Amino acid sequence: MIRTTALLSIALLTTAVLAGPKDDVLAAAKKLAEGENYTWVSAADAGGTPLAGGPTTGKIDKAGYVTVSLSRNSGIVFVFKGEKRVLRAPTGWTLPEEVTKEGSSHKQTTRVLALATKNFKTAADEAKDLVAKTKELRAEKDGMYAGEFTDAAAKELVIRLARFSLDVPEARDAKATVSFWVKDGMLSKFQYFAYGKVTIRGQEREFDRLITTTISEIGSTKVDVPEEAKKLLD
């Protein structure tokens, strides 16, 4: 009995030692995801200047419905539940694959939006993804954790953020850092900065982007899904 208790104590101690900053942030993101609902707002700036159009706002409820507005005045532009997504095109709510398929009559802006819906994640899922792309994380003061992306992940991020059209840019000298804030064991904010040199249509330029995501209204978020969108999802 004494031997069993001693072994159990060693196992628990080993688990505590092995648990590090990455585990702390993943646990905080998991706690957020398992909550009833929440709202998150992501704002971007380039060279210290906020980008035109305003922030992106996402809302998720316990049923798994997610609504996304891409600017202050756009209203809800796409909705998803699980892996299924729908977006609001000029002709009404539709599936992204209908917009991007060959021969589609939709304009390029709508087609780019359709591509964006496929990669869009909730705040909790995006945080988990960002953690996985870091070399390591270190614990800072006041519940903050910080780290750098791997070289491959930094390049991938710069390419994604620099893609303003259907053209896929090339990138070099890419660097990216990320910070997370945890309050009462739950993720409350995260921020990442990406820098690199990108080439689009033969022209190279420096690129940087700072994305800040703030989480709020945990447990009090109301998610209103347009009926036409809901029919396509259910």
C-alpha atoms as a PDB file:
ATOM      1  CA  MET A   1       0.000   0.000   0.000  1.00  0.00           C
ATOM      2  CA  ILE A   2       2.835   2.356   0.926  1.00  0.00           C
ATOM      3  CA  ARG A   3       4.637   1.420  -2.309  1.00  0.00           C
ATOM      4  CA  THR A   4       1.486   2.122  -4.364  1.00  0.00           C
ATOM      5  CA  THR A   5       0.966   5.486  -2.684  1.00  0.00           C
ATOM      6  CA  ALA A   6       4.599   6.438  -3.250  1.00  0.00           C
ATOM      7  CA  LEU A   7       4.443   5.494  -6.939  1.00  0.00           C
ATOM      8  CA  LEU A   8       1.216   7.457  -7.374  1.00  0.00           C
ATOM      9  CA  SER A   9       2.800  10.511  -5.741  1.00  0.00           C
ATOM     10  CA  ILE A  10       5.804  10.246  -8.075  1.00  0.00           C
ATOM     11  CA  ALA A  11       3.500   9.964 -11.104  1.00  0.00           C
ATOM     12  CA  LEU A  12       1.533  13.033 -10.083  1.00  0.00           C
ATOM     13  CA  LEU A  13       4.725  14.983  -9.409  1.00  0.00           C
ATOM     14  CA  THR A  14       6.145  13.961 -12.800  1.00  0.00           C
ATOM     15  CA  THR A  15       2.954  15.100 -14.546  1.00  0.00           C
ATOM     16  CA  ALA A  16       3.146  18.464 -12.786  1.00  0.00           C
ATOM     17  CA  VAL A  17       6.786  18.894 -13.790  1.00  0.00           C
ATOM     18  CA  LEU A  18       6.107  17.951 -17.413  1.00  0.00           C
ATOM     19  CA  ALA A  19       3.197  20.381 -17.652  1.00  0.00           C
ATOM     20  CA  GLY A  20       4.593  23.613 -19.038  1.00  0.00           C
ATOM     21  CA  PRO A  21       3.519  26.933 -20.558  1.00  0.00           C
ATOM     22  CA  LYS A  22       2.113  25.293 -23.697  1.00  0.00           C
ATOM     23  CA  ASP A  23      -0.049  23.013 -21.579  1.00  0.00           C
ATOM     24  CA  ASP A  24      -1.257  26.001 -19.535  1.00  0.00           C
ATOM     25  CA  VAL A  25      -2.397  27.885 -22.637  1.00  0.00           C
ATOM     26  CA  LEU A  26      -3.999  24.797 -24.203  1.00  0.00           C
ATOM     27  CA  ALA A  27      -5.910  24.152 -20.965  1.00  0.00           C
ATOM     28  CA  ALA A  28      -7.066  27.799 -20.929  1.00  0.00           C
ATOM     29  CA  ALA A  29      -8.264  27.522 -24.547  1.00  0.00           C
ATOM     30  CA  LYS A  30     -10.029  24.250 -23.758  1.00  0.00           C
ATOM     31  CA  LYS A  31     -11.820  25.837 -20.799  1.00  0.00           C
ATOM     32  CA  LEU A  32     -13.002  28.659 -23.060  1.00  0.00           C
ATOM     33  CA  ALA A  33     -14.237  26.212 -25.716  1.00  0.00           C
ATOM     34  CA  GLU A  34     -16.172  24.189 -23.171  1.00  0.00           C
ATOM     35  CA  GLY A  35     -18.069  27.229 -21.880  1.00  0.00           C
ATOM     36  CA  GLU A  36     -21.631  28.141 -22.785  1.00  0.00           C
ATOM     37  CA  ASN A  37     -20.805  30.898 -25.275  1.00  0.00           C
ATOM     38  CA  TYR A  38     -18.480  33.830 -25.909  1.00  0.00           C
ATOM     39  CA  THR A  39     -17.657  36.705 -28.248  1.00  0.00           C
ATOM     40  CA  TRP A  40     -14.282  37.560 -29.717  1.00  0.00           C
ATOM     41  CA  VAL A  41     -13.045  40.574 -31.646  1.00  0.00           C
ATOM     42  CA  SER A  42      -9.935  40.489 -33.839  1.00  0.00           C
ATOM     43  CA  ALA A  43      -8.364  43.761 -34.938  1.00  0.00           C
ATOM     44  CA  ALA A  44      -5.482  44.105 -37.389  1.00  0.00           C
ATOM     45  CA  ASP A  45      -2.986  46.853 -38.034  1.00  0.00           C
ATOM     46  CA  ALA A  46      -0.066  47.287 -40.417  1.00  0.00           C
ATOM     47  CA  GLY A  47       2.915  49.435 -39.520  1.00  0.00           C
ATOM     48  CA  GLY A  48       1.078  50.630 -36.425  1.00  0.00           C
ATOM     49  CA  THR A  49      -1.968  51.783 -38.426  1.00  0.00           C
ATOM     50  CA  PRO A  50      -5.361  50.049 -37.995  1.00  0.00           C
ATOM     51  CA  LEU A  51      -6.593  48.492 -41.221  1.00  0.00           C
ATOM     52  CA  ALA A  52      -9.639  49.961 -42.932  1.00  0.00           C
ATOM     53  CA  GLY A  53     -12.972  48.234 -42.439  1.00  0.00           C
ATOM     54  CA  GLY A  54     -12.726  47.696 -38.713  1.00  0.00           C
ATOM     55  CA  PRO A  55     -12.381  44.526 -36.656  1.00  0.00           C
ATOM     56  CA  THR A  56     -13.755  41.034 -37.233  1.00  0.00           C
ATOM     57  CA  THR A  57     -16.335  39.905 -34.681  1.00  0.00           C
ATOM     58  CA  GLY A  58     -17.188  36.282 -33.988  1.00  0.00           C
ATOM     59  CA  LYS A  59     -19.812  34.764 -31.703  1.00  0.00           C
ATOM     60  CA  ILE A  60     -20.343  31.141 -30.715  1.00  0.00           C
ATOM     61  CA  ASP A  61     -23.061  29.439 -28.668  1.00  0.00           C
ATOM     62  CA  LYS A  62     -23.318  26.103 -26.865  1.00  0.00           C
ATOM     63  CA  ALA A  63     -25.049  24.509 -29.867  1.00  0.00           C
ATOM     64  CA  GLY A  64     -21.955  25.213 -31.940  1.00  0.00           C
ATOM     65  CA  TYR A  65     -23.348  27.932 -34.217  1.00  0.00           C
ATOM     66  CA  VAL A  66     -20.768  30.564 -35.117  1.00  0.00           C
ATOM     67  CA  THR A  67     -21.546  33.921 -36.722  1.00  0.00           C
ATOM     68  CA  VAL A  68     -18.883  36.205 -38.162  1.00  0.00           C
ATOM     69  CA  SER A  69     -18.990  39.880 -39.119  1.00  0.00           C
ATOM     70  CA  LEU A  70     -15.956  41.211 -40.988  1.00  0.00           C
ATOM     71  CA  SER A  71     -16.418  44.916 -40.297  1.00  0.00           C
ATOM     72  CA  ARG A  72     -18.499  47.295 -38.238  1.00  0.00           C
ATOM     73  CA  ASN A  73     -21.159  47.713 -40.913  1.00  0.00           C
ATOM     74  CA  SER A  74     -21.115  44.404 -42.791  1.00  0.00           C
ATOM     75  CA  GLY A  75     -23.552  42.491 -40.613  1.00  0.00           C
ATOM     76  CA  ILE A  76     -23.122  38.713 -40.479  1.00  0.00           C
ATOM     77  CA  VAL A  77     -21.203  37.594 -43.574  1.00  0.00           C
ATOM     78  CA  PHE A  78     -20.737  33.926 -42.827  1.00  0.00           C
ATOM     79  CA  VAL A  79     -21.951  31.290 -40.431  1.00  0.00           C
ATOM     80  CA  PHE A  80     -20.659  27.858 -39.606  1.00  0.00           C
ATOM     81  CA  LYS A  81     -21.376  24.865 -37.432  1.00  0.00           C
ATOM     82  CA  GLY A  82     -18.738  22.195 -37.145  1.00  0.00           C
ATOM     83  CA  GLU A  83     -17.164  21.699 -40.563  1.00  0.00           C
ATOM     84  CA  LYS A  84     -20.121  23.074 -42.526  1.00  0.00           C
ATOM     85  CA  ARG A  85     -19.990  26.738 -43.579  1.00  0.00           C
ATOM     86  CA  VAL A  86     -22.222  29.148 -45.463  1.00  0.00           C
ATOM     87  CA  LEU A  87     -21.637  32.717 -46.590  1.00  0.00           C
ATOM     88  CA  ARG A  88     -23.730  35.664 -47.642  1.00  0.00           C
ATOM     89  CA  ALA A  89     -23.160  36.372 -51.325  1.00  0.00           C
ATOM     90  CA  PRO A  90     -24.858  39.175 -53.311  1.00  0.00           C
ATOM     91  CA  THR A  91     -27.369  36.556 -54.476  1.00  0.00           C
ATOM     92  CA  GLY A  92     -28.132  35.323 -50.951  1.00  0.00           C
ATOM     93  CA  TRP A  93     -26.785  32.689 -48.564  1.00  0.00           C
ATOM     94  CA  THR A  94     -24.853  29.898 -50.250  1.00  0.00           C
ATOM     95  CA  LEU A  95     -22.134  27.276 -49.754  1.00  0.00           C
ATOM     96  CA  PRO A  96     -18.496  28.328 -50.294  1.00  0.00           C
ATOM     97  CA  GLU A  97     -17.946  25.557 -52.837  1.00  0.00           C
ATOM     98  CA  GLU A  98     -20.724  26.997 -54.995  1.00  0.00           C
ATOM     99  CA  VAL A  99     -18.853  30.299 -55.109  1.00  0.00           C
ATOM    100  CA  THR A 100     -15.390  28.891 -55.840  1.00  0.00           C
ATOM    101  CA  LYS A 101     -16.332  26.194 -58.350  1.00  0.00           C
ATOM    102  CA  GLU A 102     -15.148  26.516 -61.951  1.00  0.00           C
ATOM    103  CA  GLY A 103     -17.431  28.688 -64.047  1.00  0.00           C
ATOM    104  CA  SER A 104     -18.806  30.576 -61.045  1.00  0.00           C
ATOM    105  CA  SER A 105     -20.189  34.012 -61.927  1.00  0.00           C
ATOM    106  CA  HIS A 106     -19.360  35.483 -58.508  1.00  0.00           C
ATOM    107  CA  LYS A 107     -16.939  38.405 -58.304  1.00  0.00           C
ATOM    108  CA  GLN A 108     -13.396  37.957 -57.035  1.00  0.00           C
ATOM    109  CA  THR A 109     -14.133  39.621 -53.682  1.00  0.00           C
ATOM    110  CA  THR A 110     -16.855  37.052 -52.977  1.00  0.00           C
ATOM    111  CA  ARG A 111     -14.602  34.201 -54.089  1.00  0.00           C
ATOM    112  CA  VAL A 112     -11.804  35.386 -51.778  1.00  0.00           C
ATOM    113  CA  LEU A 113     -14.323  35.536 -48.920  1.00  0.00           C
ATOM    114  CA  ALA A 114     -15.410  31.975 -49.731  1.00  0.00           C
ATOM    115  CA  LEU A 115     -11.789  30.834 -49.455  1.00  0.00           C
ATOM    116  CA  ALA A 116     -11.448  32.665 -46.124  1.00  0.00           C
ATOM    117  CA  THR A 117     -14.437  30.836 -44.632  1.00  0.00           C
ATOM    118  CA  LYS A 118     -12.682  27.492 -45.111  1.00  0.00           C
ATOM    119  CA  ASN A 119      -9.762  28.517 -42.889  1.00  0.00           C
ATOM    120  CA  PHE A 120     -11.653  30.547 -40.303  1.00  0.00           C
ATOM    121  CA  LYS A 121     -11.483  29.260 -36.722  1.00  0.00           C
ATOM    122  CA  THR A 122     -13.106  30.191 -33.438  1.00  0.00           C
ATOM    123  CA  ALA A 123     -10.879  32.038 -30.968  1.00  0.00           C
ATOM    124  CA  ALA A 124     -10.334  28.888 -28.881  1.00  0.00           C
ATOM    125  CA  ASP A 125      -9.410  26.772 -31.906  1.00  0.00           C
ATOM    126  CA  GLU A 126      -7.168  29.453 -33.361  1.00  0.00           C
ATOM    127  CA  ALA A 127      -5.307  29.743 -30.048  1.00  0.00           C
ATOM    128  CA  LYS A 128      -4.698  25.976 -30.010  1.00  0.00           C
ATOM    129  CA  ASP A 129      -3.417  26.169 -33.578  1.00  0.00           C
ATOM    130  CA  LEU A 130      -1.078  29.051 -32.717  1.00  0.00           C
ATOM    131  CA  VAL A 131       0.350  27.139 -29.740  1.00  0.00           C
ATOM    132  CA  ALA A 132       1.121  24.183 -32.006  1.00  0.00           C
ATOM    133  CA  LYS A 133       3.092  26.451 -34.355  1.00  0.00           C
ATOM    134  CA  THR A 134       5.423  27.850 -31.691  1.00  0.00           C
ATOM    135  CA  LYS A 135       8.924  26.610 -30.966  1.00  0.00           C
ATOM    136  CA  GLU A 136       8.153  26.978 -27.266  1.00  0.00           C
ATOM    137  CA  LEU A 137       6.299  29.274 -24.893  1.00  0.00           C
ATOM    138  CA  ARG A 138       7.562  30.995 -21.782  1.00  0.00           C
ATOM    139  CA  ALA A 139       5.523  32.242 -18.850  1.00  0.00           C
ATOM    140  CA  GLU A 140       5.686  36.000 -18.280  1.00  0.00           C
ATOM    141  CA  LYS A 141       4.059  38.241 -15.668  1.00  0.00           C
ATOM    142  CA  ASP A 142       0.321  38.672 -15.032  1.00  0.00           C
ATOM    143  CA  GLY A 143      -0.838  35.518 -16.794  1.00  0.00           C
ATOM    144  CA  MET A 144       0.979  36.257 -20.053  1.00  0.00           C
ATOM    145  CA  TYR A 145       2.741  33.647 -22.182  1.00  0.00           C
ATOM    146  CA  ALA A 146       4.960  34.457 -25.174  1.00  0.00           C
ATOM    147  CA  GLY A 147       6.942  32.666 -27.860  1.00  0.00           C
ATOM    148  CA  GLU A 148       8.142  32.529 -31.442  1.00  0.00           C
ATOM    149  CA  PHE A 149       6.761  30.595 -34.394  1.00  0.00           C
ATOM    150  CA  THR A 150       8.797  27.936 -36.148  1.00  0.00           C
ATOM    151  CA  ASP A 151      10.314  29.165 -39.414  1.00  0.00           C
ATOM    152  CA  ALA A 152       7.893  27.102 -41.504  1.00  0.00           C
ATOM    153  CA  ALA A 153       4.867  28.298 -39.525  1.00  0.00           C
ATOM    154  CA  ALA A 154       6.003  31.951 -39.781  1.00  0.00           C
ATOM    155  CA  LYS A 155       6.290  31.693 -43.557  1.00  0.00           C
ATOM    156  CA  GLU A 156       2.871  30.050 -43.828  1.00  0.00           C
ATOM    157  CA  LEU A 157       1.341  32.799 -41.680  1.00  0.00           C
ATOM    158  CA  VAL A 158       2.872  35.644 -43.710  1.00  0.00           C
ATOM    159  CA  ILE A 159       1.606  34.080 -46.945  1.00  0.00           C
ATOM    160  CA  ARG A 160      -1.916  33.714 -45.529  1.00  0.00           C
ATOM    161  CA  LEU A 161      -2.087  37.245 -44.146  1.00  0.00           C
ATOM    162  CA  ALA A 162      -0.609  38.813 -47.277  1.00  0.00           C
ATOM    163  CA  ARG A 163      -3.098  37.131 -49.590  1.00  0.00           C
ATOM    164  CA  PHE A 164      -5.474  39.880 -50.685  1.00  0.00           C
ATOM    165  CA  SER A 165      -6.611  38.186 -53.898  1.00  0.00           C
ATOM    166  CA  LEU A 166      -6.714  34.757 -55.519  1.00  0.00           C
ATOM    167  CA  ASP A 167      -2.975  35.101 -56.198  1.00  0.00           C
ATOM    168  CA  VAL A 168      -0.809  33.247 -53.681  1.00  0.00           C
ATOM    169  CA  PRO A 169       2.247  35.362 -52.723  1.00  0.00           C
ATOM    170  CA  GLU A 170       5.777  34.095 -52.195  1.00  0.00           C
ATOM    171  CA  ALA A 171       7.463  34.916 -48.888  1.00  0.00           C
ATOM    172  CA  ARG A 172      10.980  35.006 -47.471  1.00  0.00           C
ATOM    173  CA  ASP A 173      12.703  36.145 -44.254  1.00  0.00           C
ATOM    174  CA  ALA A 174       9.451  35.453 -42.410  1.00  0.00           C
ATOM    175  CA  LYS A 175       9.308  35.854 -38.632  1.00  0.00           C
ATOM    176  CA  ALA A 176       6.344  35.666 -36.262  1.00  0.00           C
ATOM    177  CA  THR A 177       5.751  35.950 -32.516  1.00  0.00           C
ATOM    178  CA  VAL A 178       2.691  35.299 -30.369  1.00  0.00           C
ATOM    179  CA  SER A 179       1.467  36.191 -26.879  1.00  0.00           C
ATOM    180  CA  PHE A 180      -1.432  34.787 -24.847  1.00  0.00           C
ATOM    181  CA  TRP A 181      -3.155  36.114 -21.738  1.00  0.00           C
ATOM    182  CA  VAL A 182      -4.862  33.788 -19.267  1.00  0.00           C
ATOM    183  CA  LYS A 183      -7.175  34.987 -16.499  1.00  0.00           C
ATOM    184  CA  ASP A 184      -8.688  32.653 -13.883  1.00  0.00           C
ATOM    185  CA  GLY A 185      -7.545  29.675 -15.912  1.00  0.00           C
ATOM    186  CA  MET A 186      -9.323  30.834 -19.076  1.00  0.00           C
ATOM    187  CA  LEU A 187      -7.966  32.402 -22.246  1.00  0.00           C
ATOM    188  CA  SER A 188      -8.841  36.109 -22.361  1.00  0.00           C
ATOM    189  CA  LYS A 189      -6.697  37.506 -25.174  1.00  0.00           C
ATOM    190  CA  PHE A 190      -4.005  36.646 -27.699  1.00  0.00           C
ATOM    191  CA  GLN A 191      -1.894  38.607 -30.139  1.00  0.00           C
ATOM    192  CA  TYR A 192       0.497  37.698 -32.926  1.00  0.00           C
ATOM    193  CA  PHE A 193       2.866  39.673 -35.115  1.00  0.00           C
ATOM    194  CA  ALA A 194       4.113  38.537 -38.523  1.00  0.00           C
ATOM    195  CA  TYR A 195       6.821  40.072 -40.677  1.00  0.00           C
ATOM    196  CA  GLY A 196       8.413  39.104 -43.984  1.00  0.00           C
ATOM    197  CA  LYS A 197       9.127  40.064 -47.565  1.00  0.00           C
ATOM    198  CA  VAL A 198       6.415  39.022 -49.996  1.00  0.00           C
ATOM    199  CA  THR A 199       6.330  38.883 -53.777  1.00  0.00           C
ATOM    200  CA  ILE A 200       2.988  39.292 -55.537  1.00  0.00           C
ATOM    201  CA  ARG A 201       2.793  39.445 -59.327  1.00  0.00           C
ATOM    202  CA  GLY A 202       6.548  39.923 -59.564  1.00  0.00           C
ATOM    203  CA  GLN A 203       6.783  42.808 -57.094  1.00  0.00           C
ATOM    204  CA  GLU A 204       8.511  42.375 -53.723  1.00  0.00           C
ATOM    205  CA  ARG A 205       7.658  44.476 -50.691  1.00  0.00           C
ATOM    206  CA  GLU A 206       7.977  44.334 -46.938  1.00  0.00           C
ATOM    207  CA  PHE A 207       4.939  43.073 -45.089  1.00  0.00           C
ATOM    208  CA  ASP A 208       3.929  43.175 -41.438  1.00  0.00           C
ATOM    209  CA  ARG A 209       0.714  42.550 -39.609  1.00  0.00           C
ATOM    210  CA  LEU A 210      -0.313  42.655 -35.940  1.00  0.00           C
ATOM    211  CA  ILE A 211      -3.491  40.778 -35.026  1.00  0.00           C
ATOM    212  CA  THR A 212      -5.048  41.230 -31.578  1.00  0.00           C
ATOM    213  CA  THR A 213      -7.954  39.060 -30.447  1.00  0.00           C
ATOM    214  CA  THR A 214      -9.914  39.952 -27.311  1.00  0.00           C
ATOM    215  CA  ILE A 215     -12.473  37.605 -25.763  1.00  0.00           C
ATOM    216  CA  SER A 216     -15.535  38.913 -23.916  1.00  0.00           C
ATOM    217  CA  GLU A 217     -19.176  38.275 -22.970  1.00  0.00           C
ATOM    218  CA  ILE A 218     -18.344  34.776 -21.761  1.00  0.00           C
ATOM    219  CA  GLY A 219     -21.636  33.154 -20.773  1.00  0.00           C
ATOM    220  CA  SER A 220     -23.746  36.115 -21.920  1.00  0.00           C
ATOM    221  CA  THR A 221     -23.262  36.089 -25.720  1.00  0.00           C
ATOM    222  CA  LYS A 222     -26.421  35.883 -27.841  1.00  0.00           C
ATOM    223  CA  VAL A 223     -26.024  34.266 -31.266  1.00  0.00           C
ATOM    224  CA  ASP A 224     -28.654  35.110 -33.871  1.00  0.00           C
ATOM    225  CA  VAL A 225     -28.366  32.913 -36.964  1.00  0.00           C
ATOM    226  CA  PRO A 226     -30.190  34.103 -40.110  1.00  0.00           C
ATOM    227  CA  GLU A 227     -32.920  31.577 -40.959  1.00  0.00           C
ATOM    228  CA  GLU A 228     -31.747  31.129 -44.557  1.00  0.00           C
ATOM    229  CA  ALA A 229     -28.245  30.327 -43.338  1.00  0.00           C
ATOM    230  CA  LYS A 230     -29.540  27.964 -40.673  1.00  0.00           C
ATOM    231  CA  LYS A 231     -31.497  25.943 -43.246  1.00  0.00           C
ATOM    232  CA  LEU A 232     -28.313  25.317 -45.221  1.00  0.00           C
ATOM    233  CA  LEU A 233     -26.440  24.241 -42.107  1.00  0.00           C
ATOM    234  CA  ASP A 234     -29.054  21.909 -40.574  1.00  0.00           C
END
